[in-house]
Structures are given as structure tokens and as C-alpha cells.
Amino acid sequence: MLECDVHLTKDGVVLIAHDEDFKRLCGVDKKIADTPYEAIPLMKRTIGLHFSNSLYDLLPEEEGKFATLRELFEIAPHKMISIDLKGDHNELKNKVNELIKEFSRESLTIWGSMKPRQHQLIANLNPEVPRFFSAMQVLLVYILYFLGLLFLYPLPADAFMVPLMT
């Protein structure tokens, strides 16, 4: 399964990016939401990874362009993809949903947000697409499991994805 985070550019393009701005990856202090797609800067050739103290050097053939969700759906039509919606605005949810429908990816996509209040909105928008548990929902499941009370909790999502820290 591929996992990606998405943000919306100023002109409504669904961009694949973890950070909400270009500072770490491009050295440019601008937010994705304030930048039109055509003005998105290229990534630096060497990037500091946010989850470790290591660096990633782009390969010579890598241009340093950010991919769009549309491009990912086009190059990986049969791959399972998990999409983490960043931001609270409805336009992002609607645009992602439109792309899922356009590419008939309801059975190949899992989506959600780490913000629990977004889960019901996403479920109402397209109940055909499975949702992943938010971070707080994962924590609650763990606590209820260890207390022996999990059977009392109606599970609010479909996919339980937890990073394994090593």
C-alpha cells in the first residue's frame, strides 16, 4: 500500500505533500494553500528527513517536482493508496472525492484525517471509501483493549494503520 498526505494549492490542485509549507523541502517560506500550482518551487537536491536525522539526496533523474494526486492515480491505477487529508476545508475533501470517483478507486483507496472531527464528514461524503482510524481513535482502541472494554466501543473506521517504531 502507498500512503500519502495531501494539501490543496491556492488554485485547487490536490498536491501530495506532508508539510503544509515549502520551507523544509524547498527552502521557501510559503504555504501550499497560498501558492498556485504553477508557482510551486522545486525541491532542494538534499532534503532533511523529518522522521530521522538523515538526509535524502535526489537522484539525478529526479526533477524535484511535487506530484499531484491525479498523477499518482494515473501512474498507480491498481495500487492500494491511503490518503491522509491535511487541513479542515471542505474543498480538499470534495476534490479528493471527485478524483476517487473519476478513477473508480473506491475499492483501492483508504482515506481519513488525523483530526477525529473530520471522520464523520468524510464518511458522509463517500461511504463507499474505507476510512482509517485517527491517532486519537487508535489510542482509545488501545486503552479500551487493555481495560477489556473494547467490545463496548463501536469502531468508527475501517482500517487500523499504526506505524511501528523501531
Protein backbone atom coordinates (compact mmCIF):
# COMPACT_ATOMS: atom_id res chain seq x y z
CA MET A 1 0.00 0.00 0.00
CA LEU A 2 1.15 3.52 -0.76
CA GLU A 3 0.48 6.24 1.78
CA CYS A 4 0.40 9.94 1.05
CA ASP A 5 -0.65 13.22 2.62
CA VAL A 6 -2.47 15.78 0.51
CA HIS A 7 -2.96 19.53 0.62
CA LEU A 8 -4.82 21.91 -1.66
CA THR A 9 -2.99 24.60 -3.62
CA LYS A 10 -4.38 28.12 -3.93
CA ASP A 11 -5.90 27.24 -7.31
CA GLY A 12 -7.46 23.97 -6.15
CA VAL A 13 -4.91 21.31 -7.18
CA VAL A 14 -4.60 18.33 -4.80
CA LEU A 15 -0.86 18.19 -4.08
CA ILE A 16 0.95 15.30 -2.42
CA ALA A 17 2.99 16.73 0.43
CA HIS A 18 3.44 16.05 4.13
CA ASP A 19 4.34 19.58 5.22
CA GLU A 20 1.89 22.48 4.92
CA ASP A 21 4.64 24.71 3.55
CA PHE A 22 7.75 24.51 1.33
CA LYS A 23 10.33 25.51 3.94
CA ARG A 24 11.88 22.10 4.72
CA LEU A 25 11.74 20.62 1.23
CA CYS A 26 12.37 23.70 -0.93
CA GLY A 27 13.85 26.33 1.38
CA VAL A 28 10.96 28.66 0.51
CA ASP A 29 8.83 30.14 3.30
CA LYS A 30 5.42 29.86 1.60
CA LYS A 31 2.36 27.81 2.46
CA ILE A 32 0.95 25.34 -0.07
CA ALA A 33 -2.54 26.81 0.41
CA ASP A 34 -1.24 30.26 -0.60
CA THR A 35 0.61 29.08 -3.71
CA PRO A 36 -0.86 28.42 -7.17
CA TYR A 37 0.20 25.08 -8.66
CA GLU A 38 2.31 26.66 -11.42
CA ALA A 39 4.31 28.64 -8.82
CA ILE A 40 5.28 25.64 -6.67
CA PRO A 41 9.06 25.63 -6.19
CA LEU A 42 11.26 22.63 -6.92
CA MET A 43 12.61 20.60 -4.01
CA LYS A 44 16.17 21.06 -2.83
CA ARG A 45 18.60 18.40 -4.11
CA THR A 46 19.28 17.32 -0.50
CA ILE A 47 16.38 17.06 1.91
CA GLY A 48 16.41 16.63 5.69
CA LEU A 49 14.00 13.87 6.67
CA HIS A 50 11.56 14.89 9.40
CA PHE A 51 11.38 11.42 10.99
CA SER A 52 15.13 10.92 11.42
CA ASN A 53 18.40 12.81 11.48
CA SER A 54 19.33 11.58 8.00
CA LEU A 55 19.29 13.25 4.61
CA TYR A 56 17.87 12.20 1.27
CA ASP A 57 19.69 13.14 -1.93
CA LEU A 58 17.52 13.34 -5.01
CA LEU A 59 18.65 11.02 -7.77
CA PRO A 60 19.97 12.70 -10.93
CA GLU A 61 16.80 11.74 -12.83
CA GLU A 62 14.51 13.18 -10.13
CA GLU A 63 13.37 16.67 -11.08
CA GLY A 64 12.26 17.71 -7.61
CA LYS A 65 8.65 18.39 -8.64
CA PHE A 66 5.80 17.69 -6.27
CA ALA A 67 3.31 15.12 -7.58
CA THR A 68 -0.42 15.68 -7.67
CA LEU A 69 -2.96 13.11 -6.53
CA ARG A 70 -4.21 12.92 -10.12
CA GLU A 71 -0.70 11.97 -11.29
CA LEU A 72 -0.41 9.31 -8.59
CA PHE A 73 -3.75 7.79 -9.60
CA GLU A 74 -2.60 7.78 -13.24
CA ILE A 75 0.73 6.02 -12.60
CA ALA A 76 -0.57 3.58 -9.96
CA PRO A 77 -4.05 2.62 -11.19
CA HIS A 78 -4.14 -0.76 -9.43
CA LYS A 79 -2.25 0.03 -6.22
CA MET A 80 -3.96 0.44 -2.86
CA ILE A 81 -3.43 4.03 -1.66
CA SER A 82 -4.07 5.56 1.74
CA ILE A 83 -4.73 9.30 1.65
CA ASP A 84 -4.33 11.49 4.74
CA LEU A 85 -6.30 14.70 4.23
CA LYS A 86 -4.44 17.66 5.69
CA GLY A 87 -6.43 20.73 6.56
CA ASP A 88 -10.06 21.18 7.55
CA HIS A 89 -11.56 22.75 4.47
CA ASN A 90 -14.33 21.03 2.56
CA GLU A 91 -12.85 21.83 -0.84
CA LEU A 92 -9.96 19.40 -0.23
CA LYS A 93 -12.33 16.59 0.78
CA ASN A 94 -14.55 17.28 -2.21
CA LYS A 95 -11.65 17.40 -4.70
CA VAL A 96 -10.17 14.15 -3.38
CA ASN A 97 -13.59 12.51 -3.52
CA GLU A 98 -14.06 13.69 -7.13
CA LEU A 99 -10.71 12.15 -8.10
CA ILE A 100 -11.54 8.87 -6.34
CA LYS A 101 -14.81 8.69 -8.29
CA GLU A 102 -13.25 9.76 -11.59
CA PHE A 103 -10.66 6.97 -11.36
CA SER A 104 -13.16 4.45 -9.87
CA ARG A 105 -10.86 3.93 -6.87
CA GLU A 106 -13.47 3.35 -4.14
CA SER A 107 -12.17 -0.19 -3.54
CA LEU A 108 -8.49 0.78 -3.86
CA THR A 109 -8.43 3.81 -1.59
CA ILE A 110 -8.46 4.35 2.16
CA TRP A 111 -8.78 7.90 3.37
CA GLY A 112 -9.05 9.86 6.53
CA SER A 113 -7.57 12.55 8.68
CA MET A 114 -5.66 12.56 11.92
CA LYS A 115 -8.32 15.01 13.11
CA PRO A 116 -11.21 12.96 14.52
CA ARG A 117 -13.90 15.53 13.74
CA GLN A 118 -13.18 15.06 10.04
CA HIS A 119 -14.07 11.35 10.07
CA GLN A 120 -17.85 11.69 10.06
CA LEU A 121 -17.69 14.37 7.37
CA ILE A 122 -15.60 12.05 5.20
CA ALA A 123 -17.92 9.10 5.86
CA ASN A 124 -20.94 11.17 4.85
CA LEU A 125 -19.21 12.43 1.72
CA ASN A 126 -18.48 8.96 0.34
CA PRO A 127 -19.38 5.94 2.49
CA GLU A 128 -18.01 3.62 -0.24
CA VAL A 129 -14.42 4.57 0.58
CA PRO A 130 -12.95 2.95 3.71
CA ARG A 131 -11.56 5.27 6.40
CA PHE A 132 -8.56 4.86 8.64
CA PHE A 133 -8.61 5.50 12.39
CA SER A 134 -7.32 8.87 13.58
CA ALA A 135 -4.44 8.97 16.06
CA MET A 136 -6.82 9.62 18.98
CA GLN A 137 -9.10 6.78 17.89
CA VAL A 138 -6.09 4.41 17.78
CA LEU A 139 -5.12 5.46 21.30
CA LEU A 140 -8.68 4.95 22.52
CA VAL A 141 -8.82 1.46 20.98
CA TYR A 142 -5.55 0.53 22.71
CA ILE A 143 -6.77 1.81 26.07
CA LEU A 144 -10.15 0.10 25.79
CA TYR A 145 -8.48 -3.14 24.68
CA PHE A 146 -6.17 -3.21 27.70
CA LEU A 147 -9.08 -2.38 30.02
CA GLY A 148 -11.15 -5.20 28.50
CA LEU A 149 -13.80 -2.75 27.34
CA LEU A 150 -13.21 -2.69 23.59
CA PHE A 151 -16.40 -4.69 22.97
CA LEU A 152 -18.39 -1.63 24.17
CA TYR A 153 -16.88 0.72 21.58
CA PRO A 154 -18.49 0.89 18.12
CA LEU A 155 -15.48 1.03 15.80
CA PRO A 156 -15.64 4.35 13.90
CA ALA A 157 -13.40 3.47 10.94
CA ASP A 158 -12.34 0.62 8.69
CA ALA A 159 -8.53 0.47 8.65
CA PHE A 160 -6.25 0.36 11.65
CA MET A 161 -2.89 1.67 10.41
CA VAL A 162 -0.25 2.19 13.06
CA PRO A 163 3.43 2.95 12.37
CA LEU A 164 5.82 0.53 14.01
CA MET A 165 8.58 2.48 15.67
CA THR A 166 11.94 0.71 15.52
